[in-house]
Amino acid sequence: EPLNDLSNVFDAASDPVRMYLREIGQVPLLSADDEVRLAKAINKGMEAEERLSNNGSLPP
């Protein structure tokens, strides 16, 4: 009986992992070009945030 209890605990703990792996498998990966575009967009957003927090000007 104790072994059954352990297997139930293991199954309960692994269900979220299985669910996570199943979910990430449904999301398409980015191509190299998409990664570059995303990085550039992130950088532009960070620069815009910095400009807004510095009253419209970037630091030297």
PDB file of N, CA and C in Angstrom:
ATOM      1  N   GLU A   1       0.821  -1.219   0.000  1.00  0.00           N
ATOM      2  CA  GLU A   1       0.000   0.000   0.000  1.00  0.00           C
ATOM      3  C   GLU A   1       0.854   1.269   0.000  1.00  0.00           C
ATOM      4  N   PRO A   2       1.943   1.377   0.787  1.00  0.00           N
ATOM      5  CA  PRO A   2       2.748   2.602   0.759  1.00  0.00           C
ATOM      6  C   PRO A   2       3.301   2.911  -0.631  1.00  0.00           C
ATOM      7  N   LEU A   3       3.635   1.875  -1.412  1.00  0.00           N
ATOM      8  CA  LEU A   3       4.138   2.119  -2.764  1.00  0.00           C
ATOM      9  C   LEU A   3       3.067   2.754  -3.644  1.00  0.00           C
ATOM     10  N   ASN A   4       1.835   2.341  -3.462  1.00  0.00           N
ATOM     11  CA  ASN A   4       0.743   2.952  -4.225  1.00  0.00           C
ATOM     12  C   ASN A   4       0.607   4.423  -3.882  1.00  0.00           C
ATOM     13  N   ASP A   5       0.776   4.753  -2.598  1.00  0.00           N
ATOM     14  CA  ASP A   5       0.689   6.149  -2.183  1.00  0.00           C
ATOM     15  C   ASP A   5       1.785   6.972  -2.856  1.00  0.00           C
ATOM     16  N   LEU A   6       3.000   6.419  -2.919  1.00  0.00           N
ATOM     17  CA  LEU A   6       4.105   7.132  -3.557  1.00  0.00           C
ATOM     18  C   LEU A   6       3.860   7.328  -5.046  1.00  0.00           C
ATOM     19  N   SER A   7       3.322   6.319  -5.706  1.00  0.00           N
ATOM     20  CA  SER A   7       3.077   6.465  -7.138  1.00  0.00           C
ATOM     21  C   SER A   7       1.992   7.498  -7.397  1.00  0.00           C
ATOM     22  N   ASN A   8       1.008   7.598  -6.509  1.00  0.00           N
ATOM     23  CA  ASN A   8      -0.023   8.631  -6.656  1.00  0.00           C
ATOM     24  C   ASN A   8       0.576  10.017  -6.488  1.00  0.00           C
ATOM     25  N   VAL A   9       1.490  10.167  -5.537  1.00  0.00           N
ATOM     26  CA  VAL A   9       2.150  11.452  -5.327  1.00  0.00           C
ATOM     27  C   VAL A   9       2.981  11.803  -6.553  1.00  0.00           C
ATOM     28  N   PHE A  10       3.711  10.827  -7.085  1.00  0.00           N
ATOM     29  CA  PHE A  10       4.532  11.076  -8.270  1.00  0.00           C
ATOM     30  C   PHE A  10       3.666  11.476  -9.460  1.00  0.00           C
ATOM     31  N   ASP A  11       2.567  10.750  -9.674  1.00  0.00           N
ATOM     32  CA  ASP A  11       1.674  11.079 -10.785  1.00  0.00           C
ATOM     33  C   ASP A  11       1.108  12.486 -10.636  1.00  0.00           C
ATOM     34  N   ALA A  12       0.718  12.864  -9.438  1.00  0.00           N
ATOM     35  CA  ALA A  12       0.164  14.201  -9.208  1.00  0.00           C
ATOM     36  C   ALA A  12       1.220  15.269  -9.465  1.00  0.00           C
ATOM     37  N   ALA A  13       2.473  14.992  -9.084  1.00  0.00           N
ATOM     38  CA  ALA A  13       3.545  15.969  -9.274  1.00  0.00           C
ATOM     39  C   ALA A  13       3.945  16.070 -10.741  1.00  0.00           C
ATOM     40  N   SER A  14       3.840  14.991 -11.486  1.00  0.00           N
ATOM     41  CA  SER A  14       4.273  15.018 -12.878  1.00  0.00           C
ATOM     42  C   SER A  14       3.183  15.531 -13.819  1.00  0.00           C
ATOM     43  N   ASP A  15       1.942  15.550 -13.385  1.00  0.00           N
ATOM     44  CA  ASP A  15       0.872  16.053 -14.251  1.00  0.00           C
ATOM     45  C   ASP A  15       1.107  17.494 -14.696  1.00  0.00           C
ATOM     46  N   PRO A  16       1.482  18.416 -13.810  1.00  0.00           N
ATOM     47  CA  PRO A  16       1.752  19.780 -14.273  1.00  0.00           C
ATOM     48  C   PRO A  16       2.906  19.835 -15.277  1.00  0.00           C
ATOM     49  N   VAL A  17       3.902  18.986 -15.084  1.00  0.00           N
ATOM     50  CA  VAL A  17       5.031  18.952 -16.019  1.00  0.00           C
ATOM     51  C   VAL A  17       4.554  18.465 -17.383  1.00  0.00           C
ATOM     52  N   ARG A  18       3.786  17.409 -17.381  1.00  0.00           N
ATOM     53  CA  ARG A  18       3.244  16.898 -18.649  1.00  0.00           C
ATOM     54  C   ARG A  18       2.370  17.946 -19.327  1.00  0.00           C
ATOM     55  N   MET A  19       1.542  18.612 -18.538  1.00  0.00           N
ATOM     56  CA  MET A  19       0.666  19.640 -19.091  1.00  0.00           C
ATOM     57  C   MET A  19       1.501  20.775 -19.694  1.00  0.00           C
ATOM     58  N   TYR A  20       2.544  21.202 -18.979  1.00  0.00           N
ATOM     59  CA  TYR A  20       3.427  22.271 -19.473  1.00  0.00           C
ATOM     60  C   TYR A  20       4.095  21.856 -20.783  1.00  0.00           C
ATOM     61  N   LEU A  21       4.647  20.662 -20.821  1.00  0.00           N
ATOM     62  CA  LEU A  21       5.327  20.196 -22.032  1.00  0.00           C
ATOM     63  C   LEU A  21       4.358  20.090 -23.203  1.00  0.00           C
ATOM     64  N   ARG A  22       3.153  19.638 -22.933  1.00  0.00           N
ATOM     65  CA  ARG A  22       2.150  19.539 -23.986  1.00  0.00           C
ATOM     66  C   ARG A  22       1.787  20.938 -24.511  1.00  0.00           C
ATOM     67  N   GLU A  23       1.645  21.893 -23.597  1.00  0.00           N
ATOM     68  CA  GLU A  23       1.279  23.257 -23.994  1.00  0.00           C
ATOM     69  C   GLU A  23       2.389  23.945 -24.785  1.00  0.00           C
ATOM     70  N   ILE A  24       3.650  23.818 -24.339  1.00  0.00           N
ATOM     71  CA  ILE A  24       4.725  24.499 -25.075  1.00  0.00           C
ATOM     72  C   ILE A  24       4.961  23.858 -26.435  1.00  0.00           C
ATOM     73  N   GLY A  25       4.586  22.597 -26.576  1.00  0.00           N
ATOM     74  CA  GLY A  25       4.709  21.929 -27.864  1.00  0.00           C
ATOM     75  C   GLY A  25       3.732  22.460 -28.895  1.00  0.00           C
ATOM     76  N   GLN A  26       2.712  23.184 -28.461  1.00  0.00           N
ATOM     77  CA  GLN A  26       1.704  23.719 -29.379  1.00  0.00           C
ATOM     78  C   GLN A  26       2.065  25.107 -29.891  1.00  0.00           C
ATOM     79  N   VAL A  27       3.080  25.728 -29.307  1.00  0.00           N
ATOM     80  CA  VAL A  27       3.472  27.082 -29.700  1.00  0.00           C
ATOM     81  C   VAL A  27       4.610  26.992 -30.716  1.00  0.00           C
ATOM     82  N   PRO A  28       4.441  27.603 -31.887  1.00  0.00           N
ATOM     83  CA  PRO A  28       5.510  27.518 -32.888  1.00  0.00           C
ATOM     84  C   PRO A  28       6.757  28.274 -32.435  1.00  0.00           C
ATOM     85  N   LEU A  29       7.911  27.744 -32.815  1.00  0.00           N
ATOM     86  CA  LEU A  29       9.177  28.392 -32.485  1.00  0.00           C
ATOM     87  C   LEU A  29       9.415  29.570 -33.420  1.00  0.00           C
ATOM     88  N   LEU A  30      10.212  30.529 -32.962  1.00  0.00           N
ATOM     89  CA  LEU A  30      10.571  31.677 -33.796  1.00  0.00           C
ATOM     90  C   LEU A  30      11.683  31.280 -34.759  1.00  0.00           C
ATOM     91  N   SER A  31      11.636  31.850 -35.951  1.00  0.00           N
ATOM     92  CA  SER A  31      12.751  31.676 -36.886  1.00  0.00           C
ATOM     93  C   SER A  31      13.858  32.643 -36.463  1.00  0.00           C
ATOM     94  N   ALA A  32      15.028  32.497 -37.055  1.00  0.00           N
ATOM     95  CA  ALA A  32      16.142  33.404 -36.732  1.00  0.00           C
ATOM     96  C   ALA A  32      15.768  34.844 -37.078  1.00  0.00           C
ATOM     97  N   ASP A  33      15.112  35.036 -38.224  1.00  0.00           N
ATOM     98  CA  ASP A  33      14.686  36.388 -38.618  1.00  0.00           C
ATOM     99  C   ASP A  33      13.663  36.957 -37.640  1.00  0.00           C
ATOM    100  N   ASP A  34      12.741  36.106 -37.195  1.00  0.00           N
ATOM    101  CA  ASP A  34      11.742  36.558 -36.221  1.00  0.00           C
ATOM    102  C   ASP A  34      12.404  36.966 -34.904  1.00  0.00           C
ATOM    103  N   GLU A  35      13.422  36.214 -34.495  1.00  0.00           N
ATOM    104  CA  GLU A  35      14.136  36.560 -33.259  1.00  0.00           C
ATOM    105  C   GLU A  35      14.799  37.926 -33.378  1.00  0.00           C
ATOM    106  N   VAL A  36      15.411  38.195 -34.535  1.00  0.00           N
ATOM    107  CA  VAL A  36      16.073  39.486 -34.754  1.00  0.00           C
ATOM    108  C   VAL A  36      15.046  40.606 -34.718  1.00  0.00           C
ATOM    109  N   ARG A  37      13.913  40.413 -35.415  1.00  0.00           N
ATOM    110  CA  ARG A  37      12.853  41.434 -35.415  1.00  0.00           C
ATOM    111  C   ARG A  37      12.330  41.681 -34.010  1.00  0.00           C
ATOM    112  N   LEU A  38      12.131  40.615 -33.257  1.00  0.00           N
ATOM    113  CA  LEU A  38      11.640  40.751 -31.885  1.00  0.00           C
ATOM    114  C   LEU A  38      12.647  41.496 -31.015  1.00  0.00           C
ATOM    115  N   ALA A  39      13.924  41.165 -31.147  1.00  0.00           N
ATOM    116  CA  ALA A  39      14.962  41.842 -30.357  1.00  0.00           C
ATOM    117  C   ALA A  39      15.011  43.328 -30.681  1.00  0.00           C
ATOM    118  N   LYS A  40      14.893  43.672 -31.966  1.00  0.00           N
ATOM    119  CA  LYS A  40      14.901  45.086 -32.358  1.00  0.00           C
ATOM    120  C   LYS A  40      13.681  45.813 -31.801  1.00  0.00           C
ATOM    121  N   ALA A  41      12.530  45.163 -31.832  1.00  0.00           N
ATOM    122  CA  ALA A  41      11.311  45.781 -31.294  1.00  0.00           C
ATOM    123  C   ALA A  41      11.425  45.979 -29.784  1.00  0.00           C
ATOM    124  N   ILE A  42      12.016  45.011 -29.099  1.00  0.00           N
ATOM    125  CA  ILE A  42      12.216  45.137 -27.647  1.00  0.00           C
ATOM    126  C   ILE A  42      13.146  46.304 -27.355  1.00  0.00           C
ATOM    127  N   ASN A  43      14.242  46.405 -28.107  1.00  0.00           N
ATOM    128  CA  ASN A  43      15.186  47.511 -27.899  1.00  0.00           C
ATOM    129  C   ASN A  43      14.530  48.864 -28.136  1.00  0.00           C
ATOM    130  N   LYS A  44      13.730  48.965 -29.198  1.00  0.00           N
ATOM    131  CA  LYS A  44      13.026  50.223 -29.468  1.00  0.00           C
ATOM    132  C   LYS A  44      12.080  50.561 -28.319  1.00  0.00           C
ATOM    133  N   GLY A  45      11.400  49.566 -27.806  1.00  0.00           N
ATOM    134  CA  GLY A  45      10.493  49.788 -26.683  1.00  0.00           C
ATOM    135  C   GLY A  45      11.225  50.230 -25.433  1.00  0.00           C
ATOM    136  N   MET A  46      12.385  49.635 -25.185  1.00  0.00           N
ATOM    137  CA  MET A  46      13.177  50.025 -24.015  1.00  0.00           C
ATOM    138  C   MET A  46      13.692  51.453 -24.162  1.00  0.00           C
ATOM    139  N   GLU A  47      14.106  51.823 -25.379  1.00  0.00           N
ATOM    140  CA  GLU A  47      14.554  53.200 -25.621  1.00  0.00           C
ATOM    141  C   GLU A  47      13.403  54.180 -25.434  1.00  0.00           C
ATOM    142  N   ALA A  48      12.222  53.818 -25.911  1.00  0.00           N
ATOM    143  CA  ALA A  48      11.055  54.693 -25.756  1.00  0.00           C
ATOM    144  C   ALA A  48      10.702  54.854 -24.280  1.00  0.00           C
ATOM    145  N   GLU A  49      10.778  53.772 -23.540  1.00  0.00           N
ATOM    146  CA  GLU A  49      10.501  53.844 -22.099  1.00  0.00           C
ATOM    147  C   GLU A  49      11.503  54.766 -21.408  1.00  0.00           C
ATOM    148  N   GLU A  50      12.768  54.641 -21.789  1.00  0.00           N
ATOM    149  CA  GLU A  50      13.807  55.479 -21.185  1.00  0.00           C
ATOM    150  C   GLU A  50      13.587  56.953 -21.536  1.00  0.00           C
ATOM    151  N   ARG A  51      13.219  57.210 -22.803  1.00  0.00           N
ATOM    152  CA  ARG A  51      12.939  58.590 -23.214  1.00  0.00           C
ATOM    153  C   ARG A  51      11.778  59.165 -22.421  1.00  0.00           C
ATOM    154  N   LEU A  52      10.736  58.393 -22.248  1.00  0.00           N
ATOM    155  CA  LEU A  52       9.571  58.868 -21.499  1.00  0.00           C
ATOM    156  C   LEU A  52       9.915  59.147 -20.042  1.00  0.00           C
ATOM    157  N   SER A  53      10.756  58.301 -19.468  1.00  0.00           N
ATOM    158  CA  SER A  53      11.110  58.515 -18.065  1.00  0.00           C
ATOM    159  C   SER A  53      12.109  59.656 -17.897  1.00  0.00           C
ATOM    160  N   ASN A  54      12.778  60.074 -18.994  1.00  0.00           N
ATOM    161  CA  ASN A  54      13.720  61.204 -18.960  1.00  0.00           C
ATOM    162  C   ASN A  54      13.138  62.434 -19.642  1.00  0.00           C
ATOM    163  N   ASN A  55      11.836  62.559 -19.629  1.00  0.00           N
ATOM    164  CA  ASN A  55      11.145  63.707 -20.238  1.00  0.00           C
ATOM    165  C   ASN A  55      11.478  63.892 -21.714  1.00  0.00           C
ATOM    166  N   GLY A  56      11.548  62.796 -22.448  1.00  0.00           N
ATOM    167  CA  GLY A  56      11.703  62.892 -23.893  1.00  0.00           C
ATOM    168  C   GLY A  56      13.114  62.906 -24.419  1.00  0.00           C
ATOM    169  N   SER A  57      14.122  62.809 -23.569  1.00  0.00           N
ATOM    170  CA  SER A  57      15.493  62.826 -24.088  1.00  0.00           C
ATOM    171  C   SER A  57      16.260  61.609 -23.597  1.00  0.00           C
ATOM    172  N   LEU A  58      17.115  61.096 -24.463  1.00  0.00           N
ATOM    173  CA  LEU A  58      17.976  59.979 -24.088  1.00  0.00           C
ATOM    174  C   LEU A  58      19.224  60.510 -23.398  1.00  0.00           C
ATOM    175  N   PRO A  59      19.774  59.750 -22.473  1.00  0.00           N
ATOM    176  CA  PRO A  59      21.025  60.186 -21.839  1.00  0.00           C
ATOM    177  C   PRO A  59      22.160  60.172 -22.856  1.00  0.00           C
ATOM    178  N   PRO A  60      23.201  60.985 -22.633  1.00  0.00           N
ATOM    179  CA  PRO A  60      24.322  61.059 -23.598  1.00  0.00           C
ATOM    180  C   PRO A  60      25.049  59.743 -23.745  1.00  0.00           C
TER     181      PRO A  60
END
